[in-house]
Each structure stands twice: as structure tokens, then as C-alpha cells.
PDB file of all heavy atoms in Angstrom:
ATOM      1  N   TYR A   1       0.837  -1.208   0.000  1.00  0.00           N
ATOM      2  CA  TYR A   1       0.000   0.000   0.000  1.00  0.00           C
ATOM      3  C   TYR A   1       0.871   1.257   0.000  1.00  0.00           C
ATOM      4  O   TYR A   1       0.574   2.228  -0.691  1.00  0.00           O
ATOM      5  CB  TYR A   1      -0.946   0.012   1.198  1.00  0.00           C
ATOM      6  CG  TYR A   1      -2.183  -0.835   1.008  1.00  0.00           C
ATOM      7  CD1 TYR A   1      -2.307  -2.079   1.610  1.00  0.00           C
ATOM      8  CD2 TYR A   1      -3.243  -0.370   0.238  1.00  0.00           C
ATOM      9  CE1 TYR A   1      -3.454  -2.849   1.441  1.00  0.00           C
ATOM     10  CE2 TYR A   1      -4.394  -1.133   0.059  1.00  0.00           C
ATOM     11  CZ  TYR A   1      -4.495  -2.361   0.661  1.00  0.00           C
ATOM     12  OH  TYR A   1      -5.633  -3.122   0.491  1.00  0.00           O
ATOM     13  N   SER A   2       1.945   1.237   0.791  1.00  0.00           N
ATOM     14  CA  SER A   2       2.843   2.402   0.849  1.00  0.00           C
ATOM     15  C   SER A   2       3.458   2.691  -0.511  1.00  0.00           C
ATOM     16  O   SER A   2       3.553   3.848  -0.931  1.00  0.00           O
ATOM     17  CB  SER A   2       3.958   2.173   1.870  1.00  0.00           C
ATOM     18  OG  SER A   2       3.440   2.112   3.164  1.00  0.00           O
ATOM     19  N   ILE A   3       3.864   1.650  -1.218  1.00  0.00           N
ATOM     20  CA  ILE A   3       4.453   1.830  -2.551  1.00  0.00           C
ATOM     21  C   ILE A   3       3.416   2.397  -3.510  1.00  0.00           C
ATOM     22  O   ILE A   3       3.689   3.354  -4.246  1.00  0.00           O
ATOM     23  CB  ILE A   3       5.019   0.490  -3.075  1.00  0.00           C
ATOM     24  CG1 ILE A   3       6.255   0.087  -2.273  1.00  0.00           C
ATOM     25  CG2 ILE A   3       5.356   0.586  -4.561  1.00  0.00           C
ATOM     26  CD1 ILE A   3       6.748  -1.320  -2.546  1.00  0.00           C
ATOM     27  N   LEU A   4       2.226   1.832  -3.509  1.00  0.00           N
ATOM     28  CA  LEU A   4       1.193   2.267  -4.451  1.00  0.00           C
ATOM     29  C   LEU A   4       0.775   3.721  -4.232  1.00  0.00           C
ATOM     30  O   LEU A   4       0.391   4.404  -5.169  1.00  0.00           O
ATOM     31  CB  LEU A   4      -0.029   1.351  -4.357  1.00  0.00           C
ATOM     32  CG  LEU A   4       0.178  -0.085  -4.841  1.00  0.00           C
ATOM     33  CD1 LEU A   4      -1.063  -0.920  -4.540  1.00  0.00           C
ATOM     34  CD2 LEU A   4       0.518  -0.135  -6.316  1.00  0.00           C
ATOM     35  N   LYS A   5       0.854   4.199  -2.988  1.00  0.00           N
ATOM     36  CA  LYS A   5       0.440   5.571  -2.686  1.00  0.00           C
ATOM     37  C   LYS A   5       1.572   6.588  -2.845  1.00  0.00           C
ATOM     38  O   LYS A   5       1.324   7.782  -2.791  1.00  0.00           O
ATOM     39  CB  LYS A   5      -0.079   5.650  -1.244  1.00  0.00           C
ATOM     40  CG  LYS A   5      -1.371   4.901  -1.024  1.00  0.00           C
ATOM     41  CD  LYS A   5      -1.963   5.160   0.356  1.00  0.00           C
ATOM     42  CE  LYS A   5      -1.002   4.801   1.461  1.00  0.00           C
ATOM     43  NZ  LYS A   5      -1.575   4.931   2.800  1.00  0.00           N
ATOM     44  N   ASN A   6       2.792   6.123  -3.023  1.00  0.00           N
ATOM     45  CA  ASN A   6       3.953   7.020  -2.999  1.00  0.00           C
ATOM     46  C   ASN A   6       4.186   7.669  -4.366  1.00  0.00           C
ATOM     47  O   ASN A   6       4.516   6.990  -5.340  1.00  0.00           O
ATOM     48  CB  ASN A   6       5.191   6.230  -2.578  1.00  0.00           C
ATOM     49  CG  ASN A   6       6.363   7.114  -2.256  1.00  0.00           C
ATOM     50  OD1 ASN A   6       6.404   8.285  -2.632  1.00  0.00           O
ATOM     51  ND2 ASN A   6       7.334   6.552  -1.571  1.00  0.00           N
ATOM     52  N   PRO A   7       4.057   9.007  -4.477  1.00  0.00           N
ATOM     53  CA  PRO A   7       4.280   9.674  -5.760  1.00  0.00           C
ATOM     54  C   PRO A   7       5.732   9.654  -6.211  1.00  0.00           C
ATOM     55  O   PRO A   7       6.042  10.015  -7.341  1.00  0.00           O
ATOM     56  CB  PRO A   7       3.800  11.103  -5.501  1.00  0.00           C
ATOM     57  CG  PRO A   7       3.917  11.296  -4.042  1.00  0.00           C
ATOM     58  CD  PRO A   7       3.684   9.943  -3.423  1.00  0.00           C
ATOM     59  N   PHE A   8       6.630   9.220  -5.337  1.00  0.00           N
ATOM     60  CA  PHE A   8       8.051   9.113  -5.690  1.00  0.00           C
ATOM     61  C   PHE A   8       8.232   8.280  -6.962  1.00  0.00           C
ATOM     62  O   PHE A   8       9.077   8.582  -7.800  1.00  0.00           O
ATOM     63  CB  PHE A   8       8.815   8.471  -4.530  1.00  0.00           C
ATOM     64  CG  PHE A   8      10.298   8.411  -4.740  1.00  0.00           C
ATOM     65  CD1 PHE A   8      11.119   9.430  -4.293  1.00  0.00           C
ATOM     66  CD2 PHE A   8      10.883   7.329  -5.386  1.00  0.00           C
ATOM     67  CE1 PHE A   8      12.483   9.376  -4.488  1.00  0.00           C
ATOM     68  CE2 PHE A   8      12.240   7.263  -5.585  1.00  0.00           C
ATOM     69  CZ  PHE A   8      13.045   8.291  -5.143  1.00  0.00           C
ATOM     70  N   TYR A   9       7.425   7.225  -7.094  1.00  0.00           N
ATOM     71  CA  TYR A   9       7.555   6.319  -8.235  1.00  0.00           C
ATOM     72  C   TYR A   9       7.185   6.991  -9.558  1.00  0.00           C
ATOM     73  O   TYR A   9       7.532   6.499 -10.617  1.00  0.00           O
ATOM     74  CB  TYR A   9       6.724   5.053  -8.001  1.00  0.00           C
ATOM     75  CG  TYR A   9       7.272   4.243  -6.857  1.00  0.00           C
ATOM     76  CD1 TYR A   9       6.765   4.380  -5.565  1.00  0.00           C
ATOM     77  CD2 TYR A   9       8.330   3.367  -7.048  1.00  0.00           C
ATOM     78  CE1 TYR A   9       7.287   3.666  -4.505  1.00  0.00           C
ATOM     79  CE2 TYR A   9       8.865   2.645  -5.989  1.00  0.00           C
ATOM     80  CZ  TYR A   9       8.346   2.804  -4.730  1.00  0.00           C
ATOM     81  OH  TYR A   9       8.882   2.098  -3.677  1.00  0.00           O
ATOM     82  N   MET A  10       6.500   8.140  -9.483  1.00  0.00           N
ATOM     83  CA  MET A  10       6.163   8.919 -10.683  1.00  0.00           C
ATOM     84  C   MET A  10       7.168  10.049 -10.900  1.00  0.00           C
ATOM     85  O   MET A  10       6.971  10.898 -11.762  1.00  0.00           O
ATOM     86  CB  MET A  10       4.756   9.510 -10.553  1.00  0.00           C
ATOM     87  CG  MET A  10       3.668   8.474 -10.477  1.00  0.00           C
ATOM     88  SD  MET A  10       2.018   9.208 -10.367  1.00  0.00           S
ATOM     89  CE  MET A  10       2.083  10.064  -8.808  1.00  0.00           C
ATOM     90  N   GLY A  11       8.222  10.095 -10.087  1.00  0.00           N
ATOM     91  CA  GLY A  11       9.227  11.143 -10.243  1.00  0.00           C
ATOM     92  C   GLY A  11       8.946  12.382  -9.427  1.00  0.00           C
ATOM     93  O   GLY A  11       9.527  13.435  -9.668  1.00  0.00           O
ATOM     94  N   VAL A  12       8.051  12.272  -8.436  1.00  0.00           N
ATOM     95  CA  VAL A  12       7.649  13.421  -7.631  1.00  0.00           C
ATOM     96  C   VAL A  12       8.043  13.170  -6.176  1.00  0.00           C
ATOM     97  O   VAL A  12       7.897  12.063  -5.668  1.00  0.00           O
ATOM     98  CB  VAL A  12       6.121  13.632  -7.732  1.00  0.00           C
ATOM     99  CG1 VAL A  12       5.661  14.740  -6.811  1.00  0.00           C
ATOM    100  CG2 VAL A  12       5.718  13.913  -9.159  1.00  0.00           C
ATOM    101  N   ARG A  13       8.516  14.214  -5.527  1.00  0.00           N
ATOM    102  CA  ARG A  13       8.838  14.130  -4.104  1.00  0.00           C
ATOM    103  C   ARG A  13       7.759  14.871  -3.329  1.00  0.00           C
ATOM    104  O   ARG A  13       7.560  16.057  -3.551  1.00  0.00           O
ATOM    105  CB  ARG A  13      10.180  14.790  -3.797  1.00  0.00           C
ATOM    106  CG  ARG A  13      11.293  14.432  -4.739  1.00  0.00           C
ATOM    107  CD  ARG A  13      11.886  13.093  -4.384  1.00  0.00           C
ATOM    108  NE  ARG A  13      12.965  12.764  -5.297  1.00  0.00           N
ATOM    109  CZ  ARG A  13      14.219  12.658  -4.938  1.00  0.00           C
ATOM    110  NH1 ARG A  13      14.571  12.874  -3.711  1.00  0.00           N
ATOM    111  NH2 ARG A  13      15.126  12.304  -5.813  1.00  0.00           N
ATOM    112  N   ALA A  14       7.073  14.205  -2.443  1.00  0.00           N
ATOM    113  CA  ALA A  14       6.051  14.846  -1.615  1.00  0.00           C
ATOM    114  C   ALA A  14       6.634  15.068  -0.232  1.00  0.00           C
ATOM    115  O   ALA A  14       7.225  14.162   0.369  1.00  0.00           O
ATOM    116  CB  ALA A  14       4.822  13.961  -1.531  1.00  0.00           C
ATOM    117  N   TRP A  15       6.489  16.298   0.270  1.00  0.00           N
ATOM    118  CA  TRP A  15       7.012  16.627   1.598  1.00  0.00           C
ATOM    119  C   TRP A  15       6.143  17.695   2.225  1.00  0.00           C
ATOM    120  O   TRP A  15       5.987  18.780   1.682  1.00  0.00           O
ATOM    121  CB  TRP A  15       8.460  17.096   1.482  1.00  0.00           C
ATOM    122  CG  TRP A  15       9.086  17.427   2.792  1.00  0.00           C
ATOM    123  CD1 TRP A  15       9.332  18.663   3.298  1.00  0.00           C
ATOM    124  CD2 TRP A  15       9.556  16.498   3.773  1.00  0.00           C
ATOM    125  NE1 TRP A  15       9.917  18.569   4.530  1.00  0.00           N
ATOM    126  CE2 TRP A  15      10.077  17.247   4.849  1.00  0.00           C
ATOM    127  CE3 TRP A  15       9.570  15.107   3.851  1.00  0.00           C
ATOM    128  CZ2 TRP A  15      10.611  16.651   5.982  1.00  0.00           C
ATOM    129  CZ3 TRP A  15      10.112  14.519   4.979  1.00  0.00           C
ATOM    130  CH2 TRP A  15      10.625  15.290   6.019  1.00  0.00           C
ATOM    131  N   LYS A  16       5.539  17.375   3.364  1.00  0.00           N
ATOM    132  CA  LYS A  16       4.724  18.315   4.128  1.00  0.00           C
ATOM    133  C   LYS A  16       3.669  18.997   3.272  1.00  0.00           C
ATOM    134  O   LYS A  16       3.532  20.210   3.272  1.00  0.00           O
ATOM    135  CB  LYS A  16       5.610  19.335   4.826  1.00  0.00           C
ATOM    136  CG  LYS A  16       6.476  18.702   5.893  1.00  0.00           C
ATOM    137  CD  LYS A  16       7.159  19.724   6.747  1.00  0.00           C
ATOM    138  CE  LYS A  16       7.917  19.003   7.853  1.00  0.00           C
ATOM    139  NZ  LYS A  16       8.563  19.929   8.766  1.00  0.00           N
ATOM    140  N   GLY A  17       2.938  18.208   2.509  1.00  0.00           N
ATOM    141  CA  GLY A  17       1.828  18.723   1.729  1.00  0.00           C
ATOM    142  C   GLY A  17       2.207  19.387   0.412  1.00  0.00           C
ATOM    143  O   GLY A  17       1.344  19.867  -0.303  1.00  0.00           O
ATOM    144  N   ARG A  18       3.480  19.410   0.083  1.00  0.00           N
ATOM    145  CA  ARG A  18       3.918  20.008  -1.185  1.00  0.00           C
ATOM    146  C   ARG A  18       4.596  18.945  -2.032  1.00  0.00           C
ATOM    147  O   ARG A  18       5.113  17.967  -1.520  1.00  0.00           O
ATOM    148  CB  ARG A  18       4.902  21.153  -0.926  1.00  0.00           C
ATOM    149  CG  ARG A  18       4.255  22.324  -0.217  1.00  0.00           C
ATOM    150  CD  ARG A  18       5.225  23.447   0.048  1.00  0.00           C
ATOM    151  NE  ARG A  18       5.753  23.979  -1.199  1.00  0.00           N
ATOM    152  CZ  ARG A  18       6.799  24.791  -1.272  1.00  0.00           C
ATOM    153  NH1 ARG A  18       7.428  25.156  -0.175  1.00  0.00           N
ATOM    154  NH2 ARG A  18       7.227  25.238  -2.435  1.00  0.00           N
ATOM    155  N   GLU A  19       4.564  19.157  -3.344  1.00  0.00           N
ATOM    156  CA  GLU A  19       5.225  18.223  -4.265  1.00  0.00           C
ATOM    157  C   GLU A  19       6.367  18.933  -4.977  1.00  0.00           C
ATOM    158  O   GLU A  19       6.247  20.102  -5.339  1.00  0.00           O
ATOM    159  CB  GLU A  19       4.223  17.670  -5.275  1.00  0.00           C
ATOM    160  CG  GLU A  19       3.213  16.742  -4.645  1.00  0.00           C
ATOM    161  CD  GLU A  19       2.318  16.045  -5.661  1.00  0.00           C
ATOM    162  OE1 GLU A  19       2.311  16.465  -6.839  1.00  0.00           O
ATOM    163  OE2 GLU A  19       1.644  15.093  -5.273  1.00  0.00           O
ATOM    164  N   TYR A  20       7.464  18.205  -5.144  1.00  0.00           N
ATOM    165  CA  TYR A  20       8.647  18.721  -5.814  1.00  0.00           C
ATOM    166  C   TYR A  20       9.038  17.738  -6.909  1.00  0.00           C
ATOM    167  O   TYR A  20       8.959  16.521  -6.699  1.00  0.00           O
ATOM    168  CB  TYR A  20       9.817  18.840  -4.834  1.00  0.00           C
ATOM    169  CG  TYR A  20       9.545  19.709  -3.633  1.00  0.00           C
ATOM    170  CD1 TYR A  20       8.909  19.201  -2.499  1.00  0.00           C
ATOM    171  CD2 TYR A  20       9.937  21.040  -3.630  1.00  0.00           C
ATOM    172  CE1 TYR A  20       8.671  19.994  -1.399  1.00  0.00           C
ATOM    173  CE2 TYR A  20       9.710  21.847  -2.525  1.00  0.00           C
ATOM    174  CZ  TYR A  20       9.077  21.319  -1.411  1.00  0.00           C
ATOM    175  OH  TYR A  20       8.842  22.110  -0.319  1.00  0.00           O
ATOM    176  N   PRO A  21       9.496  18.217  -8.073  1.00  0.00           N
ATOM    177  CA  PRO A  21       9.987  17.280  -9.078  1.00  0.00           C
ATOM    178  C   PRO A  21      11.289  16.657  -8.608  1.00  0.00           C
ATOM    179  O   PRO A  21      12.153  17.343  -8.063  1.00  0.00           O
ATOM    180  CB  PRO A  21      10.199  18.164 -10.306  1.00  0.00           C
ATOM    181  CG  PRO A  21      10.339  19.551  -9.793  1.00  0.00           C
ATOM    182  CD  PRO A  21       9.574  19.607  -8.514  1.00  0.00           C
ATOM    183  N   GLY A  22      11.395  15.351  -8.775  1.00  0.00           N
ATOM    184  CA  GLY A  22      12.606  14.651  -8.364  1.00  0.00           C
ATOM    185  C   GLY A  22      13.617  14.590  -9.490  1.00  0.00           C
ATOM    186  O   GLY A  22      13.272  14.786 -10.655  1.00  0.00           O
ATOM    187  N   ASN A  23      14.866  14.288  -9.159  1.00  0.00           N
ATOM    188  CA  ASN A  23      15.867  14.092 -10.200  1.00  0.00           C
ATOM    189  C   ASN A  23      16.244  12.618 -10.332  1.00  0.00           C
ATOM    190  O   ASN A  23      17.261  12.294 -10.913  1.00  0.00           O
ATOM    191  CB  ASN A  23      17.104  14.975  -9.957  1.00  0.00           C
ATOM    192  CG  ASN A  23      17.807  14.638  -8.647  1.00  0.00           C
ATOM    193  OD1 ASN A  23      17.512  13.632  -8.026  1.00  0.00           O
ATOM    194  ND2 ASN A  23      18.729  15.486  -8.240  1.00  0.00           N
ATOM    195  N   HIS A  24      15.399  11.744  -9.818  1.00  0.00           N
ATOM    196  CA  HIS A  24      15.616  10.305  -9.952  1.00  0.00           C
ATOM    197  C   HIS A  24      14.812   9.796 -11.152  1.00  0.00           C
ATOM    198  O   HIS A  24      13.938  10.485 -11.665  1.00  0.00           O
ATOM    199  CB  HIS A  24      15.171   9.589  -8.673  1.00  0.00           C
ATOM    200  CG  HIS A  24      13.716   9.769  -8.377  1.00  0.00           C
ATOM    201  ND1 HIS A  24      13.192  10.932  -7.869  1.00  0.00           N
ATOM    202  CD2 HIS A  24      12.664   8.922  -8.524  1.00  0.00           C
ATOM    203  CE1 HIS A  24      11.888  10.799  -7.709  1.00  0.00           C
ATOM    204  NE2 HIS A  24      11.528   9.589  -8.110  1.00  0.00           N
ATOM    205  N   GLU A  25      15.111   8.591 -11.566  1.00  0.00           N
ATOM    206  CA  GLU A  25      14.390   7.977 -12.687  1.00  0.00           C
ATOM    207  C   GLU A  25      13.013   7.505 -12.241  1.00  0.00           C
ATOM    208  O   GLU A  25      12.893   6.681 -11.326  1.00  0.00           O
ATOM    209  CB  GLU A  25      15.189   6.783 -13.206  1.00  0.00           C
ATOM    210  CG  GLU A  25      14.504   6.055 -14.328  1.00  0.00           C
ATOM    211  CD  GLU A  25      15.261   4.798 -14.754  1.00  0.00           C
ATOM    212  OE1 GLU A  25      16.371   4.569 -14.252  1.00  0.00           O
ATOM    213  OE2 GLU A  25      14.711   4.064 -15.581  1.00  0.00           O
ATOM    214  N   PRO A  26      11.949   8.029 -12.842  1.00  0.00           N
ATOM    215  CA  PRO A  26      10.618   7.543 -12.462  1.00  0.00           C
ATOM    216  C   PRO A  26      10.429   6.087 -12.861  1.00  0.00           C
ATOM    217  O   PRO A  26      10.964   5.638 -13.866  1.00  0.00           O
ATOM    218  CB  PRO A  26       9.666   8.444 -13.254  1.00  0.00           C
ATOM    219  CG  PRO A  26      10.483   9.568 -13.776  1.00  0.00           C
ATOM    220  CD  PRO A  26      11.896   9.075 -13.836  1.00  0.00           C
ATOM    221  N   MET A  27       9.670   5.373 -12.074  1.00  0.00           N
ATOM    222  CA  MET A  27       9.384   3.985 -12.396  1.00  0.00           C
ATOM    223  C   MET A  27       8.141   3.883 -13.268  1.00  0.00           C
ATOM    224  O   MET A  27       8.027   2.983 -14.100  1.00  0.00           O
ATOM    225  CB  MET A  27       9.205   3.184 -11.094  1.00  0.00           C
ATOM    226  CG  MET A  27       9.077   1.698 -11.305  1.00  0.00           C
ATOM    227  SD  MET A  27       8.922   0.802  -9.742  1.00  0.00           S
ATOM    228  CE  MET A  27      10.563   0.938  -9.060  1.00  0.00           C
ATOM    229  N   ILE A  28       7.199   4.760 -13.049  1.00  0.00           N
ATOM    230  CA  ILE A  28       5.946   4.771 -13.825  1.00  0.00           C
ATOM    231  C   ILE A  28       5.675   6.188 -14.308  1.00  0.00           C
ATOM    232  O   ILE A  28       6.241   7.151 -13.788  1.00  0.00           O
ATOM    233  CB  ILE A  28       4.755   4.245 -12.996  1.00  0.00           C
ATOM    234  CG1 ILE A  28       4.558   5.111 -11.738  1.00  0.00           C
ATOM    235  CG2 ILE A  28       4.934   2.784 -12.645  1.00  0.00           C
ATOM    236  CD1 ILE A  28       3.313   4.776 -10.941  1.00  0.00           C
TER     237      ILE A  28
END
């Protein structure tokens, strides 16, 4: 469930209610 809900896998970093674009390779 944690993986499915985590926007990190789409290349987004969520922190304290805000989203930041990540510089890692998105999985999906």
C-alpha cells in the first residue's frame, strides 16, 4: 500500500503537503 500511494515512483517528491519534481528515474 505504501508503494502504491507514494508519488516518488512517478518522479515526484512529496514533503509536508507540497510536491517537488525529483531528479531520480521515475518507475511509472
